[in-house]
Amino acid sequence: MKKIGFIDYFLDEWHANKYPEWIRQASNGEMNVAYAYALTDSPNGRTNAAWCADHGVELLGSIQEVVDRSDYLVVLSPDHPQFHEELAELPLRSGKPTYVDKTFAPSQAIAQRLFELAEKHGTPLFSSSALRYAAEYGKLDKTGIDMINSVGPGSFANYSIHQIEPIVSLLGSEAERVMFIGTERTPAWLIGFAGGRQAAIHHFAGAPFSLSVHYGAAGKSAAVRAESDFFGSFIADLVRFFESGEPAVDPAETIAIMTIIEHGIRAAAVPYQWIELPRGN
């Protein structure tokens, strides 16, 4: 059995609570979360020791111990990406397949540094929102898209990744600029891509994830809602990644997504003004 190590800010969070059983099921019991380390205990939940006891995981005293004893590594902290560089440094020097949970990095510069570190040490690395794996989105034709309109719940800080990731998977990594076009209660952004293509994201409380796609030359459109088991599909691909060492997501797309989020936050301070995105994403 292959052993997986979790590295987190604190362990009692939704992803860490769900992933161990999902991974066991997806790998037919061939992979197991065996070790864990976190920087601090949850402020509102179980201690790391209690979490480990509940999940049958051995709590270790350092990131290095987790790296040394594991076959595969998962850097979590899904809602605190500001800690990802600190948490991922030793895993990315290890040469062992490493998944870094959403949101990958708080800036383009950090995202680039993480991929450069992984490449230097021959460490397979990837990151993704589970929404990339929505079957409904995957069936959309990528050819000829000139406009995407996306809707989803949550705040921009930790949920925009679930709208921007599918958009970039469809339009590619050539994002050029971003503009805030929403209101305080219904924030929204417009993203400009190469060739005059655009995408809009809208945050509505409680709204299901959905995409409307327009094909310019063909004059047709499609509208879909993410209703499939996208987390199940994501976990299946995570298991495949661990087995093969081959990430499914182009690093250029992940860096582009982090660039959009970083500058989307800046755009919110100057509504209806384009913020140009730095090249190299």
Protein backbone atom coordinates (compact mmCIF):
# COMPACT_ATOMS: atom_id res chain seq x y z
CA MET A 1 0.00 0.00 0.00
CA LYS A 2 1.26 3.46 -0.93
CA LYS A 3 1.30 6.03 1.85
CA ILE A 4 0.14 9.63 1.46
CA GLY A 5 1.20 12.49 3.69
CA PHE A 6 -1.02 15.48 4.42
CA ILE A 7 0.55 18.87 5.13
CA ASP A 8 -1.88 21.56 6.22
CA TYR A 9 -2.33 24.84 8.03
CA PHE A 10 -4.76 23.02 10.35
CA LEU A 11 -6.21 19.57 9.73
CA ASP A 12 -9.85 19.90 10.75
CA GLU A 13 -11.12 21.42 7.48
CA TRP A 14 -13.50 20.14 4.81
CA HIS A 15 -10.98 18.90 2.27
CA ALA A 16 -8.83 17.07 4.82
CA ASN A 17 -11.97 15.52 6.30
CA LYS A 18 -13.19 14.17 2.95
CA TYR A 19 -10.07 13.28 0.95
CA PRO A 20 -8.80 10.24 2.95
CA GLU A 21 -11.88 8.08 2.39
CA TRP A 22 -12.33 9.28 -1.18
CA ILE A 23 -8.71 8.41 -1.99
CA ARG A 24 -9.08 4.95 -0.43
CA GLN A 25 -12.17 4.30 -2.52
CA ALA A 26 -10.72 5.67 -5.77
CA SER A 27 -7.51 3.66 -5.37
CA ASN A 28 -9.33 0.44 -4.37
CA GLY A 29 -7.51 0.56 -1.07
CA GLU A 30 -4.06 0.80 -2.67
CA MET A 31 -3.41 4.30 -1.27
CA ASN A 32 -3.93 5.49 2.27
CA VAL A 33 -3.42 8.78 4.08
CA ALA A 34 -0.95 7.60 6.70
CA TYR A 35 0.85 10.71 7.98
CA ALA A 36 0.00 14.34 8.67
CA TYR A 37 1.45 17.58 9.97
CA ALA A 38 -0.13 21.02 10.42
CA LEU A 39 1.19 24.37 11.56
CA THR A 40 -1.55 25.01 14.11
CA ASP A 41 -4.76 23.56 15.53
CA SER A 42 -8.12 24.55 14.13
CA PRO A 43 -9.44 27.68 15.89
CA ASN A 44 -13.00 26.31 15.88
CA GLY A 45 -12.70 22.54 15.61
CA ARG A 46 -10.69 19.48 16.57
CA THR A 47 -7.03 19.64 17.44
CA ASN A 48 -4.63 18.08 14.97
CA ALA A 49 -4.11 15.20 17.39
CA ALA A 50 -7.85 14.58 17.64
CA TRP A 51 -8.25 14.77 13.85
CA CYS A 52 -5.49 12.19 13.38
CA ALA A 53 -7.00 9.90 16.00
CA ASP A 54 -10.39 10.07 14.29
CA HIS A 55 -8.92 9.31 10.84
CA GLY A 56 -6.36 6.69 11.85
CA VAL A 57 -3.49 8.92 10.71
CA GLU A 58 -0.13 9.30 12.46
CA LEU A 59 0.58 12.90 13.48
CA LEU A 60 4.23 13.73 12.86
CA GLY A 61 6.34 16.51 14.30
CA SER A 62 7.57 18.21 11.13
CA ILE A 63 7.00 18.62 7.42
CA GLN A 64 10.31 16.87 6.77
CA GLU A 65 9.13 13.75 8.61
CA VAL A 66 5.98 13.62 6.48
CA VAL A 67 8.06 14.05 3.32
CA ASP A 68 10.53 11.35 4.31
CA ARG A 69 7.94 8.72 5.24
CA SER A 70 5.35 9.27 2.49
CA ASP A 71 5.20 8.05 -1.09
CA TYR A 72 2.96 10.90 -2.21
CA LEU A 73 2.27 14.34 -0.74
CA VAL A 74 -0.77 16.60 -0.49
CA VAL A 75 -0.35 20.19 0.62
CA LEU A 76 -3.79 21.31 1.74
CA SER A 77 -4.60 24.66 3.44
CA PRO A 78 -7.34 25.28 0.81
CA ASP A 79 -8.58 28.52 2.36
CA HIS A 80 -5.17 29.83 3.43
CA PRO A 81 -3.03 29.84 0.26
CA GLN A 82 -0.72 32.42 1.83
CA PHE A 83 0.89 29.46 3.64
CA HIS A 84 1.39 27.31 0.54
CA GLU A 85 4.92 28.44 -0.21
CA GLU A 86 6.03 27.66 3.33
CA LEU A 87 4.17 24.34 3.45
CA ALA A 88 5.23 23.20 -0.03
CA GLU A 89 8.94 24.03 -0.02
CA LEU A 90 10.19 20.69 1.33
CA PRO A 91 7.66 18.58 -0.60
CA LEU A 92 8.71 20.29 -3.85
CA ARG A 93 12.35 19.45 -3.15
CA SER A 94 11.51 15.78 -2.58
CA GLY A 95 10.99 14.45 -6.11
CA LYS A 96 7.77 12.81 -4.89
CA PRO A 97 4.44 13.53 -6.66
CA THR A 98 2.89 16.50 -4.87
CA TYR A 99 -0.58 17.98 -5.13
CA VAL A 100 -1.13 21.52 -3.80
CA ASP A 101 -4.78 22.24 -3.07
CA LYS A 102 -6.77 25.19 -4.35
CA THR A 103 -6.13 28.11 -4.35
CA PHE A 104 -2.57 27.31 -5.50
CA ALA A 105 -0.91 30.63 -4.64
CA PRO A 106 -1.87 34.19 -3.68
CA SER A 107 0.15 35.74 -6.53
CA GLN A 108 1.66 35.09 -9.92
CA ALA A 109 5.18 35.44 -8.51
CA ILE A 110 4.65 32.77 -5.86
CA ALA A 111 2.98 30.44 -8.34
CA GLN A 112 5.95 30.74 -10.66
CA ARG A 113 8.41 30.14 -7.83
CA LEU A 114 6.60 26.96 -6.77
CA PHE A 115 6.66 25.49 -10.27
CA GLU A 116 10.30 26.51 -10.76
CA LEU A 117 11.26 24.82 -7.48
CA ALA A 118 9.42 21.64 -8.44
CA GLU A 119 11.04 21.58 -11.88
CA LYS A 120 14.51 22.12 -10.40
CA HIS A 121 14.12 19.07 -8.15
CA GLY A 122 12.21 16.87 -10.59
CA THR A 123 9.06 16.90 -8.45
CA PRO A 124 5.78 16.17 -10.27
CA LEU A 125 3.36 18.95 -9.25
CA PHE A 126 -0.13 20.06 -10.01
CA SER A 127 -3.07 21.95 -8.58
CA SER A 128 -6.67 22.38 -9.64
CA SER A 129 -10.15 23.32 -8.63
CA ALA A 130 -12.41 20.28 -8.65
CA LEU A 131 -14.76 22.24 -10.96
CA ARG A 132 -12.31 21.64 -13.81
CA TYR A 133 -13.55 18.04 -13.61
CA ALA A 134 -17.26 18.78 -13.99
CA ALA A 135 -18.43 16.42 -16.73
CA GLU A 136 -20.81 19.07 -18.08
CA TYR A 137 -17.94 21.52 -18.59
CA GLY A 138 -15.72 18.85 -20.13
CA LYS A 139 -18.27 18.16 -22.87
CA LEU A 140 -18.19 21.76 -24.11
CA ASP A 141 -16.48 22.35 -27.46
CA LYS A 142 -13.48 24.64 -26.94
CA THR A 143 -13.27 25.67 -30.60
CA GLY A 144 -14.47 29.15 -31.49
CA ILE A 145 -15.56 30.37 -28.04
CA ASP A 146 -15.71 34.16 -27.91
CA MET A 147 -17.62 34.70 -24.64
CA ILE A 148 -18.24 32.79 -21.42
CA ASN A 149 -20.58 33.85 -18.66
CA SER A 150 -20.04 32.07 -15.34
CA VAL A 151 -22.09 32.09 -12.13
CA GLY A 152 -21.28 30.57 -8.76
CA PRO A 153 -21.55 30.98 -4.99
CA GLY A 154 -19.09 32.14 -2.35
CA SER A 155 -16.63 34.98 -2.06
CA PHE A 156 -14.01 35.96 -4.61
CA ALA A 157 -11.14 35.27 -2.20
CA ASN A 158 -11.67 31.52 -1.92
CA TYR A 159 -14.37 30.62 -4.46
CA SER A 160 -13.42 32.53 -7.61
CA ILE A 161 -10.99 29.70 -8.40
CA HIS A 162 -14.01 27.46 -9.09
CA GLN A 163 -15.23 29.80 -11.81
CA ILE A 164 -11.89 30.92 -13.24
CA GLU A 165 -10.39 27.42 -13.50
CA PRO A 166 -13.06 26.12 -15.92
CA ILE A 167 -12.87 29.35 -17.91
CA VAL A 168 -9.10 29.05 -18.37
CA SER A 169 -9.46 25.35 -19.21
CA LEU A 170 -11.76 26.40 -22.06
CA LEU A 171 -10.10 29.64 -23.26
CA GLY A 172 -6.47 28.92 -22.45
CA SER A 173 -3.83 30.78 -20.46
CA GLU A 174 -3.65 33.96 -22.55
CA ALA A 175 -5.55 36.23 -20.15
CA GLU A 176 -4.63 39.86 -20.73
CA ARG A 177 -6.69 42.08 -18.42
CA VAL A 178 -9.42 42.11 -15.77
CA MET A 179 -12.12 44.58 -14.69
CA PHE A 180 -14.51 44.71 -11.74
CA ILE A 181 -18.09 45.18 -13.00
CA GLY A 182 -20.20 44.13 -10.01
CA THR A 183 -21.65 45.55 -6.84
CA GLU A 184 -20.84 45.06 -3.18
CA ARG A 185 -23.59 42.43 -2.80
CA THR A 186 -23.15 40.82 -6.23
CA PRO A 187 -19.46 41.10 -7.15
CA ALA A 188 -18.52 40.37 -10.75
CA TRP A 189 -15.47 40.58 -12.98
CA LEU A 190 -14.80 40.72 -16.71
CA ILE A 191 -11.68 38.96 -17.97
CA GLY A 192 -10.17 39.83 -21.34
CA PHE A 193 -8.30 37.13 -23.27
CA ALA A 194 -6.14 37.26 -26.38
CA GLY A 195 -8.02 37.77 -29.63
CA GLY A 196 -10.80 39.82 -28.08
CA ARG A 197 -12.35 36.87 -26.25
CA GLN A 198 -13.94 37.57 -22.89
CA ALA A 199 -15.34 35.84 -19.83
CA ALA A 200 -17.45 37.20 -16.98
CA ILE A 201 -17.73 35.71 -13.50
CA HIS A 202 -20.57 36.50 -11.07
CA HIS A 203 -20.81 35.64 -7.38
CA PHE A 204 -24.38 35.11 -6.15
CA ALA A 205 -25.06 33.67 -2.70
CA GLY A 206 -26.32 30.11 -3.03
CA ALA A 207 -26.18 30.04 -6.83
CA PRO A 208 -25.17 26.74 -8.44
CA PHE A 209 -22.04 26.68 -10.60
CA SER A 210 -23.00 27.17 -14.24
CA LEU A 211 -21.55 28.34 -17.54
CA SER A 212 -23.07 29.93 -20.63
CA VAL A 213 -20.79 29.76 -23.66
CA HIS A 214 -21.10 31.64 -26.96
CA TYR A 215 -19.38 30.62 -30.20
CA GLY A 216 -18.76 33.71 -32.30
CA ALA A 217 -18.28 32.42 -35.83
CA ALA A 218 -20.92 29.74 -35.48
CA GLY A 219 -23.41 32.07 -33.81
CA LYS A 220 -24.47 29.36 -31.38
CA SER A 221 -24.44 29.06 -27.63
CA ALA A 222 -24.61 26.45 -24.87
CA ALA A 223 -25.60 26.63 -21.20
CA VAL A 224 -24.67 23.98 -18.63
CA ARG A 225 -24.81 23.51 -14.86
CA ALA A 226 -22.16 21.57 -12.91
CA GLU A 227 -24.28 18.77 -11.47
CA SER A 228 -21.98 15.77 -11.93
CA ASP A 229 -19.71 14.27 -9.26
CA PHE A 230 -16.81 16.59 -10.07
CA PHE A 231 -15.07 15.85 -6.76
CA GLY A 232 -15.17 12.14 -7.55
CA SER A 233 -13.64 12.76 -10.96
CA PHE A 234 -10.99 15.00 -9.43
CA ILE A 235 -10.00 12.39 -6.83
CA ALA A 236 -9.78 9.72 -9.55
CA ASP A 237 -7.38 11.96 -11.47
CA LEU A 238 -5.40 12.66 -8.29
CA VAL A 239 -4.89 8.92 -7.86
CA ARG A 240 -3.84 8.65 -11.53
CA PHE A 241 -1.36 11.50 -10.99
CA PHE A 242 0.19 9.77 -8.00
CA GLU A 243 0.56 6.54 -9.97
CA SER A 244 1.95 8.11 -13.14
CA GLY A 245 3.68 11.28 -11.96
CA GLU A 246 2.05 13.04 -14.91
CA PRO A 247 -0.03 16.12 -14.00
CA ALA A 248 -3.20 16.73 -15.99
CA VAL A 249 -3.04 20.54 -15.79
CA ASP A 250 -0.60 22.73 -17.71
CA PRO A 251 1.38 24.91 -15.25
CA ALA A 252 0.80 27.88 -17.58
CA GLU A 253 -2.93 27.60 -16.92
CA THR A 254 -2.47 27.41 -13.15
CA ILE A 255 -0.19 30.47 -13.20
CA ALA A 256 -2.69 32.35 -15.39
CA ILE A 257 -5.50 31.58 -12.94
CA MET A 258 -3.47 32.87 -9.98
CA THR A 259 -2.61 36.00 -11.98
CA ILE A 260 -6.28 36.68 -12.67
CA ILE A 261 -7.22 36.23 -9.01
CA GLU A 262 -4.36 38.40 -7.77
CA HIS A 263 -5.24 41.27 -10.09
CA GLY A 264 -8.97 40.72 -9.73
CA ILE A 265 -8.58 41.73 -6.09
CA ARG A 266 -6.84 44.91 -7.22
CA ALA A 267 -9.50 45.57 -9.84
CA ALA A 268 -12.21 45.57 -7.18
CA ALA A 269 -10.72 48.79 -5.79
CA VAL A 270 -11.14 50.59 -9.15
CA PRO A 271 -14.45 49.45 -10.70
CA TYR A 272 -14.96 49.68 -14.47
CA GLN A 273 -11.26 50.15 -15.17
CA TRP A 274 -9.18 47.55 -16.96
CA ILE A 275 -6.22 46.21 -15.01
CA GLU A 276 -3.59 44.86 -17.35
CA LEU A 277 -2.12 41.49 -16.42
CA PRO A 278 1.65 41.05 -16.42
CA ARG A 279 3.04 38.89 -19.19
CA GLY A 280 4.77 35.63 -18.51
CA ASN A 281 1.63 33.94 -17.17
